[in-house]
Amino acid sequence: MTDSYEDPPTVPSGERATLGDGLRFAFGTLTVLPARITRWDRPAARTGMVCAPLAGLVVGALAAAAGTALLFLGGGPLLAAAVTVAAPAALTRGLHLDGLADTADGLGSAKPAEDALRIMKQSDIGPFGVICLLFVLLIQVAALADAYADGWARGALAAVTAAVAARLAMTLASRDGVPAARPGGLGAAVAGVVPRRSAAAVTALTAAAATAAALPLGLPVAAQHAAAVLLALGAAELLLRRCVRRFDGVTGDVFGALSEAAATTVLLTLALG
C-alpha cells in the first residue's frame, strides 16, 4: 500500500496557530470527518498533534455507538466487536491499518533504511504486512468481543479508550527529538513539533480522563483502564524506537503503526483483566 499521508495540501505558513487551526489539522489528517485544513505548517501541526486524542475520542465514540446499537438490536458480542473495529478503519480510510502493513513490510525486509522506505512506499502489501494485519485485527475483535460480553458499557468504554490511546501515541511520537525519516509527508510535517512538556501534560490528562470515565464501573475497572493506557504508550514507544533505529526516523506509515499498536495493547490489556 502507498502511504496516503505523502501528498498533503500546501498552505501558507504563519507565526501562530489557533486552536481551530489545530483541530482542523488533527481531524483533517487523522479522520475522514469534514474538517477543511486551513494551514499546513509547523505551528498548526504542533497544535494539531496535541489535539490528536480529541480526534480519537470522536472516532472511538462513533465506533462504540455502532457496536452498542447492534447489541441493542439483538446482535451478539462478536458482531458488535467486528463492527466496532471496522468503524475506525472506515473513519480513517484505512490509513492507520495501511501504515501498520507498510511498517511491518519495512521492518521485516531486513534491508537498509533507504531500501526499506522504498518498500513501504510501494502500492502492494508484502507477506509481513498481511500477517500483521490479520493478527492485529483478530486480536482487536476477540478482545472487544470479551468486553461486550461483560456488558455494552464495558465494550463501549474499551473502544473509546483504545481510540484515544491510539492517537495519544501519535502525540508522543511527535515530540521534540524524534526525527523524520524523509523530507515529505506527514512524518516530516509533525516530527519533533510537540514540546516534551506538552506531550507529558497531554499524556497525564488523557490517562486521568480514562480513569475517571471508568470509575462508574468500579475502582478496579478504572485502575485497569489507566494501566491499559500506560501499557499502550509503552508498547508504542518500543515500536517507535525500533522504527527510528531502523528507518532513521518516522514516516506517516510509522504513525499509523503506532496507532494500531497502542489500540491493540489497550484492548488486550482490558481483555486479560
C-alpha atoms as a PDB file:
ATOM      1  CA  MET A   1       0.000   0.000   0.000  1.00  0.00           C
ATOM      2  CA  THR A   2       1.095   3.561  -0.540  1.00  0.00           C
ATOM      3  CA  ASP A   3       1.430   5.987   2.335  1.00  0.00           C
ATOM      4  CA  SER A   4      -1.613   8.193   1.826  1.00  0.00           C
ATOM      5  CA  TYR A   5      -0.077  10.853   4.026  1.00  0.00           C
ATOM      6  CA  GLU A   6       2.530  11.649   1.425  1.00  0.00           C
ATOM      7  CA  ASP A   7       0.604  14.276  -0.573  1.00  0.00           C
ATOM      8  CA  PRO A   8      -0.632  16.881   1.921  1.00  0.00           C
ATOM      9  CA  PRO A   9      -2.092  20.215   0.855  1.00  0.00           C
ATOM     10  CA  THR A  10       0.216  23.182   0.745  1.00  0.00           C
ATOM     11  CA  VAL A  11      -0.996  26.010   2.968  1.00  0.00           C
ATOM     12  CA  PRO A  12       0.814  29.255   3.748  1.00  0.00           C
ATOM     13  CA  SER A  13       2.745  29.275   6.994  1.00  0.00           C
ATOM     14  CA  GLY A  14       2.213  31.697   9.873  1.00  0.00           C
ATOM     15  CA  GLU A  15       3.696  32.525  13.214  1.00  0.00           C
ATOM     16  CA  ARG A  16       0.980  31.029  15.414  1.00  0.00           C
ATOM     17  CA  ALA A  17      -1.825  28.531  15.016  1.00  0.00           C
ATOM     18  CA  THR A  18      -5.179  28.899  16.706  1.00  0.00           C
ATOM     19  CA  LEU A  19      -6.991  26.062  18.432  1.00  0.00           C
ATOM     20  CA  GLY A  20      -9.307  25.943  15.458  1.00  0.00           C
ATOM     21  CA  ASP A  21      -6.347  25.529  13.096  1.00  0.00           C
ATOM     22  CA  GLY A  22      -5.056  22.698  15.264  1.00  0.00           C
ATOM     23  CA  LEU A  23      -8.394  20.901  15.453  1.00  0.00           C
ATOM     24  CA  ARG A  24      -8.836  21.130  11.710  1.00  0.00           C
ATOM     25  CA  PHE A  25      -5.308  19.783  11.256  1.00  0.00           C
ATOM     26  CA  ALA A  26      -5.970  16.868  13.646  1.00  0.00           C
ATOM     27  CA  PHE A  27      -9.344  15.895  12.223  1.00  0.00           C
ATOM     28  CA  GLY A  28      -8.303  16.619   8.636  1.00  0.00           C
ATOM     29  CA  THR A  29      -5.230  14.372   8.754  1.00  0.00           C
ATOM     30  CA  LEU A  30      -6.370  11.647  11.181  1.00  0.00           C
ATOM     31  CA  THR A  31     -10.003  11.155  10.135  1.00  0.00           C
ATOM     32  CA  VAL A  32     -12.318  11.461   7.141  1.00  0.00           C
ATOM     33  CA  LEU A  33     -14.695  13.669   9.106  1.00  0.00           C
ATOM     34  CA  PRO A  34     -15.365  17.025   7.403  1.00  0.00           C
ATOM     35  CA  ALA A  35     -12.593  19.341   8.524  1.00  0.00           C
ATOM     36  CA  ARG A  36     -11.012  21.614   5.940  1.00  0.00           C
ATOM     37  CA  ILE A  37      -7.342  22.096   6.789  1.00  0.00           C
ATOM     38  CA  THR A  38      -6.667  25.836   6.794  1.00  0.00           C
ATOM     39  CA  ARG A  39      -2.939  25.660   7.482  1.00  0.00           C
ATOM     40  CA  TRP A  40      -0.209  23.114   6.785  1.00  0.00           C
ATOM     41  CA  ASP A  41       2.799  24.382   8.719  1.00  0.00           C
ATOM     42  CA  ARG A  42       4.730  23.563  11.863  1.00  0.00           C
ATOM     43  CA  PRO A  43       2.665  25.702  14.264  1.00  0.00           C
ATOM     44  CA  ALA A  44      -0.582  24.135  13.011  1.00  0.00           C
ATOM     45  CA  ALA A  45       0.990  20.676  13.200  1.00  0.00           C
ATOM     46  CA  ARG A  46       2.075  21.336  16.787  1.00  0.00           C
ATOM     47  CA  THR A  47      -1.399  22.297  17.920  1.00  0.00           C
ATOM     48  CA  GLY A  48      -2.958  19.584  15.799  1.00  0.00           C
ATOM     49  CA  MET A  49      -0.903  16.761  17.269  1.00  0.00           C
ATOM     50  CA  VAL A  50      -1.593  17.983  20.789  1.00  0.00           C
ATOM     51  CA  CYS A  51      -5.293  17.741  19.870  1.00  0.00           C
ATOM     52  CA  ALA A  52      -4.920  14.272  18.322  1.00  0.00           C
ATOM     53  CA  PRO A  53      -6.537  12.455  21.305  1.00  0.00           C
ATOM     54  CA  LEU A  54      -9.686  14.521  20.719  1.00  0.00           C
ATOM     55  CA  ALA A  55      -9.893  13.084  17.208  1.00  0.00           C
ATOM     56  CA  GLY A  56      -9.529   9.667  18.811  1.00  0.00           C
ATOM     57  CA  LEU A  57     -12.346  10.450  21.233  1.00  0.00           C
ATOM     58  CA  VAL A  58     -14.742  11.233  18.387  1.00  0.00           C
ATOM     59  CA  VAL A  59     -13.700   8.191  16.344  1.00  0.00           C
ATOM     60  CA  GLY A  60     -13.962   5.936  19.372  1.00  0.00           C
ATOM     61  CA  ALA A  61     -17.369   7.306  20.345  1.00  0.00           C
ATOM     62  CA  LEU A  62     -18.744   6.726  16.839  1.00  0.00           C
ATOM     63  CA  ALA A  63     -17.325   3.197  16.756  1.00  0.00           C
ATOM     64  CA  ALA A  64     -18.705   2.413  20.211  1.00  0.00           C
ATOM     65  CA  ALA A  65     -22.112   3.775  19.216  1.00  0.00           C
ATOM     66  CA  ALA A  66     -22.230   1.444  16.208  1.00  0.00           C
ATOM     67  CA  GLY A  67     -21.274  -1.604  18.263  1.00  0.00           C
ATOM     68  CA  THR A  68     -23.658  -0.760  21.093  1.00  0.00           C
ATOM     69  CA  ALA A  69     -26.526  -0.200  18.655  1.00  0.00           C
ATOM     70  CA  LEU A  70     -26.024  -3.694  17.268  1.00  0.00           C
ATOM     71  CA  LEU A  71     -26.180  -5.163  20.759  1.00  0.00           C
ATOM     72  CA  PHE A  72     -29.471  -3.418  21.478  1.00  0.00           C
ATOM     73  CA  LEU A  73     -30.819  -4.620  18.120  1.00  0.00           C
ATOM     74  CA  GLY A  74     -30.138  -8.225  19.143  1.00  0.00           C
ATOM     75  CA  GLY A  75     -26.663  -8.791  17.748  1.00  0.00           C
ATOM     76  CA  GLY A  76     -24.076 -10.766  19.689  1.00  0.00           C
ATOM     77  CA  PRO A  77     -20.806  -9.551  21.212  1.00  0.00           C
ATOM     78  CA  LEU A  78     -18.737 -10.871  18.294  1.00  0.00           C
ATOM     79  CA  LEU A  79     -20.780  -8.987  15.696  1.00  0.00           C
ATOM     80  CA  ALA A  80     -20.670  -5.822  17.801  1.00  0.00           C
ATOM     81  CA  ALA A  81     -16.911  -6.160  18.172  1.00  0.00           C
ATOM     82  CA  ALA A  82     -16.359  -6.685  14.446  1.00  0.00           C
ATOM     83  CA  VAL A  83     -18.362  -3.576  13.551  1.00  0.00           C
ATOM     84  CA  THR A  84     -16.628  -1.545  16.276  1.00  0.00           C
ATOM     85  CA  VAL A  85     -13.243  -2.468  14.823  1.00  0.00           C
ATOM     86  CA  ALA A  86     -14.411  -1.784  11.266  1.00  0.00           C
ATOM     87  CA  ALA A  87     -15.735   1.683  12.110  1.00  0.00           C
ATOM     88  CA  PRO A  88     -12.343   3.349  12.836  1.00  0.00           C
ATOM     89  CA  ALA A  89     -10.959   1.824   9.642  1.00  0.00           C
ATOM     90  CA  ALA A  90     -13.797   3.443   7.701  1.00  0.00           C
ATOM     91  CA  LEU A  91     -13.421   6.742   9.569  1.00  0.00           C
ATOM     92  CA  THR A  92      -9.730   6.918   8.626  1.00  0.00           C
ATOM     93  CA  ARG A  93      -9.952   5.412   5.119  1.00  0.00           C
ATOM     94  CA  GLY A  94      -7.854   2.574   6.493  1.00  0.00           C
ATOM     95  CA  LEU A  95      -4.784   4.834   6.686  1.00  0.00           C
ATOM     96  CA  HIS A  96      -3.630   3.544  10.060  1.00  0.00           C
ATOM     97  CA  LEU A  97      -4.016  -0.080   9.011  1.00  0.00           C
ATOM     98  CA  ASP A  98      -2.228   0.829   5.797  1.00  0.00           C
ATOM     99  CA  GLY A  99       0.606   2.299   7.850  1.00  0.00           C
ATOM    100  CA  LEU A 100       0.763  -0.811  10.019  1.00  0.00           C
ATOM    101  CA  ALA A 101       1.066  -3.080   6.989  1.00  0.00           C
ATOM    102  CA  ASP A 102       3.696  -0.902   5.302  1.00  0.00           C
ATOM    103  CA  THR A 103       5.723  -0.588   8.501  1.00  0.00           C
ATOM    104  CA  ALA A 104       5.622  -4.348   9.022  1.00  0.00           C
ATOM    105  CA  ASP A 105       6.908  -4.867   5.483  1.00  0.00           C
ATOM    106  CA  GLY A 106       9.656  -2.305   6.021  1.00  0.00           C
ATOM    107  CA  LEU A 107      10.776  -3.768   9.329  1.00  0.00           C
ATOM    108  CA  GLY A 108      10.605  -7.314   8.019  1.00  0.00           C
ATOM    109  CA  SER A 109      12.562  -6.597   4.854  1.00  0.00           C
ATOM    110  CA  ALA A 110      15.950  -6.661   6.640  1.00  0.00           C
ATOM    111  CA  LYS A 111      17.162  -4.130   4.085  1.00  0.00           C
ATOM    112  CA  PRO A 112      18.984  -0.803   4.635  1.00  0.00           C
ATOM    113  CA  ALA A 113      16.853   2.165   5.639  1.00  0.00           C
ATOM    114  CA  GLU A 114      16.631   3.649   2.137  1.00  0.00           C
ATOM    115  CA  ASP A 115      15.504   0.346   0.609  1.00  0.00           C
ATOM    116  CA  ALA A 116      13.084  -0.324   3.456  1.00  0.00           C
ATOM    117  CA  LEU A 117      11.481   3.094   2.973  1.00  0.00           C
ATOM    118  CA  ARG A 118      11.112   2.388  -0.728  1.00  0.00           C
ATOM    119  CA  ILE A 119       9.365  -0.896   0.076  1.00  0.00           C
ATOM    120  CA  MET A 120       6.985   0.963   2.375  1.00  0.00           C
ATOM    121  CA  LYS A 121       6.020   3.363  -0.442  1.00  0.00           C
ATOM    122  CA  GLN A 122       5.099   0.578  -2.862  1.00  0.00           C
ATOM    123  CA  SER A 123       1.423   0.023  -3.633  1.00  0.00           C
ATOM    124  CA  ASP A 124       1.338  -3.688  -2.804  1.00  0.00           C
ATOM    125  CA  ILE A 125       1.294  -5.425   0.594  1.00  0.00           C
ATOM    126  CA  GLY A 126       4.026  -7.924   1.363  1.00  0.00           C
ATOM    127  CA  PRO A 127       3.733 -11.078   3.487  1.00  0.00           C
ATOM    128  CA  PHE A 128       4.797  -9.323   6.678  1.00  0.00           C
ATOM    129  CA  GLY A 129       2.082  -6.717   6.226  1.00  0.00           C
ATOM    130  CA  VAL A 130      -0.618  -9.306   5.521  1.00  0.00           C
ATOM    131  CA  ILE A 131       0.276 -11.406   8.547  1.00  0.00           C
ATOM    132  CA  CYS A 132       0.498  -8.387  10.812  1.00  0.00           C
ATOM    133  CA  LEU A 133      -2.874  -7.027   9.690  1.00  0.00           C
ATOM    134  CA  LEU A 134      -4.527 -10.406  10.094  1.00  0.00           C
ATOM    135  CA  PHE A 135      -3.397 -10.995  13.660  1.00  0.00           C
ATOM    136  CA  VAL A 136      -3.896  -7.406  14.831  1.00  0.00           C
ATOM    137  CA  LEU A 137      -7.484  -7.349  13.581  1.00  0.00           C
ATOM    138  CA  LEU A 138      -8.183 -10.796  15.043  1.00  0.00           C
ATOM    139  CA  ILE A 139      -6.842  -9.719  18.439  1.00  0.00           C
ATOM    140  CA  GLN A 140      -8.812  -6.480  18.395  1.00  0.00           C
ATOM    141  CA  VAL A 141     -12.104  -8.203  17.519  1.00  0.00           C
ATOM    142  CA  ALA A 142     -11.586 -11.025  20.020  1.00  0.00           C
ATOM    143  CA  ALA A 143     -10.659  -8.647  22.831  1.00  0.00           C
ATOM    144  CA  LEU A 144     -13.611  -6.357  22.144  1.00  0.00           C
ATOM    145  CA  ALA A 145     -15.969  -9.337  21.986  1.00  0.00           C
ATOM    146  CA  ASP A 146     -14.881 -10.249  25.516  1.00  0.00           C
ATOM    147  CA  ALA A 147     -15.542  -6.678  26.640  1.00  0.00           C
ATOM    148  CA  TYR A 148     -19.004  -6.570  25.061  1.00  0.00           C
ATOM    149  CA  ALA A 149     -19.796  -9.942  26.621  1.00  0.00           C
ATOM    150  CA  ASP A 150     -19.416  -8.216  30.018  1.00  0.00           C
ATOM    151  CA  GLY A 151     -21.932  -5.544  29.027  1.00  0.00           C
ATOM    152  CA  TRP A 152     -22.383  -2.787  26.487  1.00  0.00           C
ATOM    153  CA  ALA A 153     -20.778  -0.204  28.784  1.00  0.00           C
ATOM    154  CA  ARG A 154     -17.572  -2.214  29.143  1.00  0.00           C
ATOM    155  CA  GLY A 155     -17.341  -2.737  25.396  1.00  0.00           C
ATOM    156  CA  ALA A 156     -18.103   0.867  24.517  1.00  0.00           C
ATOM    157  CA  LEU A 157     -15.616   2.221  27.033  1.00  0.00           C
ATOM    158  CA  ALA A 158     -12.928  -0.158  25.793  1.00  0.00           C
ATOM    159  CA  ALA A 159     -13.461   1.041  22.224  1.00  0.00           C
ATOM    160  CA  VAL A 160     -13.235   4.707  23.198  1.00  0.00           C
ATOM    161  CA  THR A 161     -10.167   4.188  25.398  1.00  0.00           C
ATOM    162  CA  ALA A 162      -8.373   2.298  22.621  1.00  0.00           C
ATOM    163  CA  ALA A 163      -9.109   5.012  20.050  1.00  0.00           C
ATOM    164  CA  VAL A 164      -7.946   7.820  22.341  1.00  0.00           C
ATOM    165  CA  ALA A 165      -4.767   5.991  23.354  1.00  0.00           C
ATOM    166  CA  ALA A 166      -4.043   5.282  19.679  1.00  0.00           C
ATOM    167  CA  ARG A 167      -3.979   8.997  18.880  1.00  0.00           C
ATOM    168  CA  LEU A 168      -2.143   9.851  22.076  1.00  0.00           C
ATOM    169  CA  ALA A 169       0.652   7.576  20.862  1.00  0.00           C
ATOM    170  CA  MET A 170       0.882   9.829  17.809  1.00  0.00           C
ATOM    171  CA  THR A 171       1.150  12.907  20.017  1.00  0.00           C
ATOM    172  CA  LEU A 172       4.084  11.380  21.871  1.00  0.00           C
ATOM    173  CA  ALA A 173       5.724  10.316  18.614  1.00  0.00           C
ATOM    174  CA  SER A 174       5.618  13.963  17.500  1.00  0.00           C
ATOM    175  CA  ARG A 175       7.661  15.192  20.459  1.00  0.00           C
ATOM    176  CA  ASP A 176      10.956  17.047  20.360  1.00  0.00           C
ATOM    177  CA  GLY A 177      13.887  14.891  19.322  1.00  0.00           C
ATOM    178  CA  VAL A 178      12.035  12.417  17.079  1.00  0.00           C
ATOM    179  CA  PRO A 179      13.360  12.902  13.518  1.00  0.00           C
ATOM    180  CA  ALA A 180      11.608  12.439  10.206  1.00  0.00           C
ATOM    181  CA  ALA A 181      12.871   9.616   8.014  1.00  0.00           C
ATOM    182  CA  ARG A 182      12.383  11.597   4.798  1.00  0.00           C
ATOM    183  CA  PRO A 183      11.506  15.175   3.858  1.00  0.00           C
ATOM    184  CA  GLY A 184       7.935  14.649   2.610  1.00  0.00           C
ATOM    185  CA  GLY A 185       4.624  13.552   4.084  1.00  0.00           C
ATOM    186  CA  LEU A 186       3.012  13.623   7.492  1.00  0.00           C
ATOM    187  CA  GLY A 187       6.142  12.326   9.196  1.00  0.00           C
ATOM    188  CA  ALA A 188       8.140  15.356   8.112  1.00  0.00           C
ATOM    189  CA  ALA A 189       5.245  17.701   8.892  1.00  0.00           C
ATOM    190  CA  VAL A 190       4.824  16.607  12.520  1.00  0.00           C
ATOM    191  CA  ALA A 191       8.172  15.129  13.565  1.00  0.00           C
ATOM    192  CA  GLY A 192       9.540  16.997  16.582  1.00  0.00           C
ATOM    193  CA  VAL A 193       6.782  19.615  16.689  1.00  0.00           C
ATOM    194  CA  VAL A 194       5.339  18.884  20.156  1.00  0.00           C
ATOM    195  CA  PRO A 195       7.335  20.143  23.156  1.00  0.00           C
ATOM    196  CA  ARG A 196       8.076  17.428  25.675  1.00  0.00           C
ATOM    197  CA  ARG A 197       6.229  19.272  28.423  1.00  0.00           C
ATOM    198  CA  SER A 198       3.127  19.485  26.280  1.00  0.00           C
ATOM    199  CA  ALA A 199       3.371  15.791  25.422  1.00  0.00           C
ATOM    200  CA  ALA A 200       3.696  14.906  29.114  1.00  0.00           C
ATOM    201  CA  ALA A 201       0.749  17.138  30.031  1.00  0.00           C
ATOM    202  CA  VAL A 202      -1.498  15.612  27.377  1.00  0.00           C
ATOM    203  CA  THR A 203      -0.480  12.133  28.500  1.00  0.00           C
ATOM    204  CA  ALA A 204      -1.308  12.844  32.129  1.00  0.00           C
ATOM    205  CA  LEU A 205      -4.628  14.444  31.217  1.00  0.00           C
ATOM    206  CA  THR A 206      -5.627  11.587  28.942  1.00  0.00           C
ATOM    207  CA  ALA A 207      -4.722   8.901  31.488  1.00  0.00           C
ATOM    208  CA  ALA A 208      -6.681  10.774  34.157  1.00  0.00           C
ATOM    209  CA  ALA A 209      -9.684  11.114  31.845  1.00  0.00           C
ATOM    210  CA  ALA A 210      -9.617   7.396  31.001  1.00  0.00           C
ATOM    211  CA  THR A 211      -9.533   6.568  34.697  1.00  0.00           C
ATOM    212  CA  ALA A 212     -12.383   8.943  35.527  1.00  0.00           C
ATOM    213  CA  ALA A 213     -14.541   7.648  32.670  1.00  0.00           C
ATOM    214  CA  ALA A 214     -14.240   4.093  34.004  1.00  0.00           C
ATOM    215  CA  LEU A 215     -14.934   4.981  37.651  1.00  0.00           C
ATOM    216  CA  PRO A 216     -18.706   4.362  37.371  1.00  0.00           C
ATOM    217  CA  LEU A 217     -17.847   0.727  36.602  1.00  0.00           C
ATOM    218  CA  GLY A 218     -15.810   0.422  39.793  1.00  0.00           C
ATOM    219  CA  LEU A 219     -12.371   1.309  41.075  1.00  0.00           C
ATOM    220  CA  PRO A 220     -10.699  -1.904  39.795  1.00  0.00           C
ATOM    221  CA  VAL A 221     -12.019  -1.223  36.291  1.00  0.00           C
ATOM    222  CA  ALA A 222     -10.820   2.382  36.462  1.00  0.00           C
ATOM    223  CA  ALA A 223      -7.350   1.261  37.516  1.00  0.00           C
ATOM    224  CA  GLN A 224      -7.345  -1.265  34.697  1.00  0.00           C
ATOM    225  CA  HIS A 225      -8.124   1.408  32.119  1.00  0.00           C
ATOM    226  CA  ALA A 226      -5.357   3.636  33.456  1.00  0.00           C
ATOM    227  CA  ALA A 227      -2.935   0.723  33.232  1.00  0.00           C
ATOM    228  CA  ALA A 228      -4.131  -0.090  29.710  1.00  0.00           C
ATOM    229  CA  VAL A 229      -3.358   3.429  28.513  1.00  0.00           C
ATOM    230  CA  LEU A 230       0.102   3.419  30.071  1.00  0.00           C
ATOM    231  CA  LEU A 231       0.933  -0.040  28.715  1.00  0.00           C
ATOM    232  CA  ALA A 232      -0.268   1.030  25.277  1.00  0.00           C
ATOM    233  CA  LEU A 233       2.050   4.023  25.326  1.00  0.00           C
ATOM    234  CA  GLY A 234       4.897   1.780  26.443  1.00  0.00           C
ATOM    235  CA  ALA A 235       4.288  -0.613  23.549  1.00  0.00           C
ATOM    236  CA  ALA A 236       4.074   2.278  21.089  1.00  0.00           C
ATOM    237  CA  GLU A 237       7.299   3.752  22.460  1.00  0.00           C
ATOM    238  CA  LEU A 238       9.139   0.466  21.923  1.00  0.00           C
ATOM    239  CA  LEU A 239       7.886   0.317  18.349  1.00  0.00           C
ATOM    240  CA  LEU A 240       8.777   3.978  17.811  1.00  0.00           C
ATOM    241  CA  ARG A 241      12.347   3.452  18.951  1.00  0.00           C
ATOM    242  CA  ARG A 242      12.662   0.389  16.755  1.00  0.00           C
ATOM    243  CA  CYS A 243      11.418   2.330  13.731  1.00  0.00           C
ATOM    244  CA  VAL A 244      13.687   5.313  14.390  1.00  0.00           C
ATOM    245  CA  ARG A 245      16.686   2.989  14.571  1.00  0.00           C
ATOM    246  CA  ARG A 246      15.580   1.032  11.513  1.00  0.00           C
ATOM    247  CA  PHE A 247      14.431   3.877   9.247  1.00  0.00           C
ATOM    248  CA  ASP A 248      16.458   6.773  10.717  1.00  0.00           C
ATOM    249  CA  GLY A 249      13.212   8.488  11.701  1.00  0.00           C
ATOM    250  CA  VAL A 250       9.440   8.373  11.399  1.00  0.00           C
ATOM    251  CA  THR A 251       7.042   8.458   8.445  1.00  0.00           C
ATOM    252  CA  GLY A 252       3.278   8.675   8.100  1.00  0.00           C
ATOM    253  CA  ASP A 253       3.247   4.879   7.940  1.00  0.00           C
ATOM    254  CA  VAL A 254       5.025   4.653  11.267  1.00  0.00           C
ATOM    255  CA  PHE A 255       2.397   6.889  12.855  1.00  0.00           C
ATOM    256  CA  GLY A 256      -0.300   4.546  11.606  1.00  0.00           C
ATOM    257  CA  ALA A 257       1.552   1.542  13.004  1.00  0.00           C
ATOM    258  CA  LEU A 258       1.974   3.232  16.384  1.00  0.00           C
ATOM    259  CA  SER A 259      -1.745   3.974  16.469  1.00  0.00           C
ATOM    260  CA  GLU A 260      -2.749   0.370  15.809  1.00  0.00           C
ATOM    261  CA  ALA A 261      -0.156  -0.985  18.244  1.00  0.00           C
ATOM    262  CA  ALA A 262      -1.473   1.245  21.023  1.00  0.00           C
ATOM    263  CA  ALA A 263      -5.125   0.414  20.326  1.00  0.00           C
ATOM    264  CA  THR A 264      -4.399  -3.312  20.274  1.00  0.00           C
ATOM    265  CA  THR A 265      -2.467  -3.123  23.536  1.00  0.00           C
ATOM    266  CA  VAL A 266      -5.357  -1.320  25.263  1.00  0.00           C
ATOM    267  CA  LEU A 267      -7.893  -3.915  24.119  1.00  0.00           C
ATOM    268  CA  LEU A 268      -5.637  -6.823  25.002  1.00  0.00           C
ATOM    269  CA  THR A 269      -4.942  -5.420  28.469  1.00  0.00           C
ATOM    270  CA  LEU A 270      -8.623  -4.898  29.171  1.00  0.00           C
ATOM    271  CA  ALA A 271      -9.472  -8.401  27.931  1.00  0.00           C
ATOM    272  CA  LEU A 272      -6.826 -10.018  30.136  1.00  0.00           C
ATOM    273  CA  GLY A 273      -8.049  -8.050  33.123  1.00  0.00           C
END
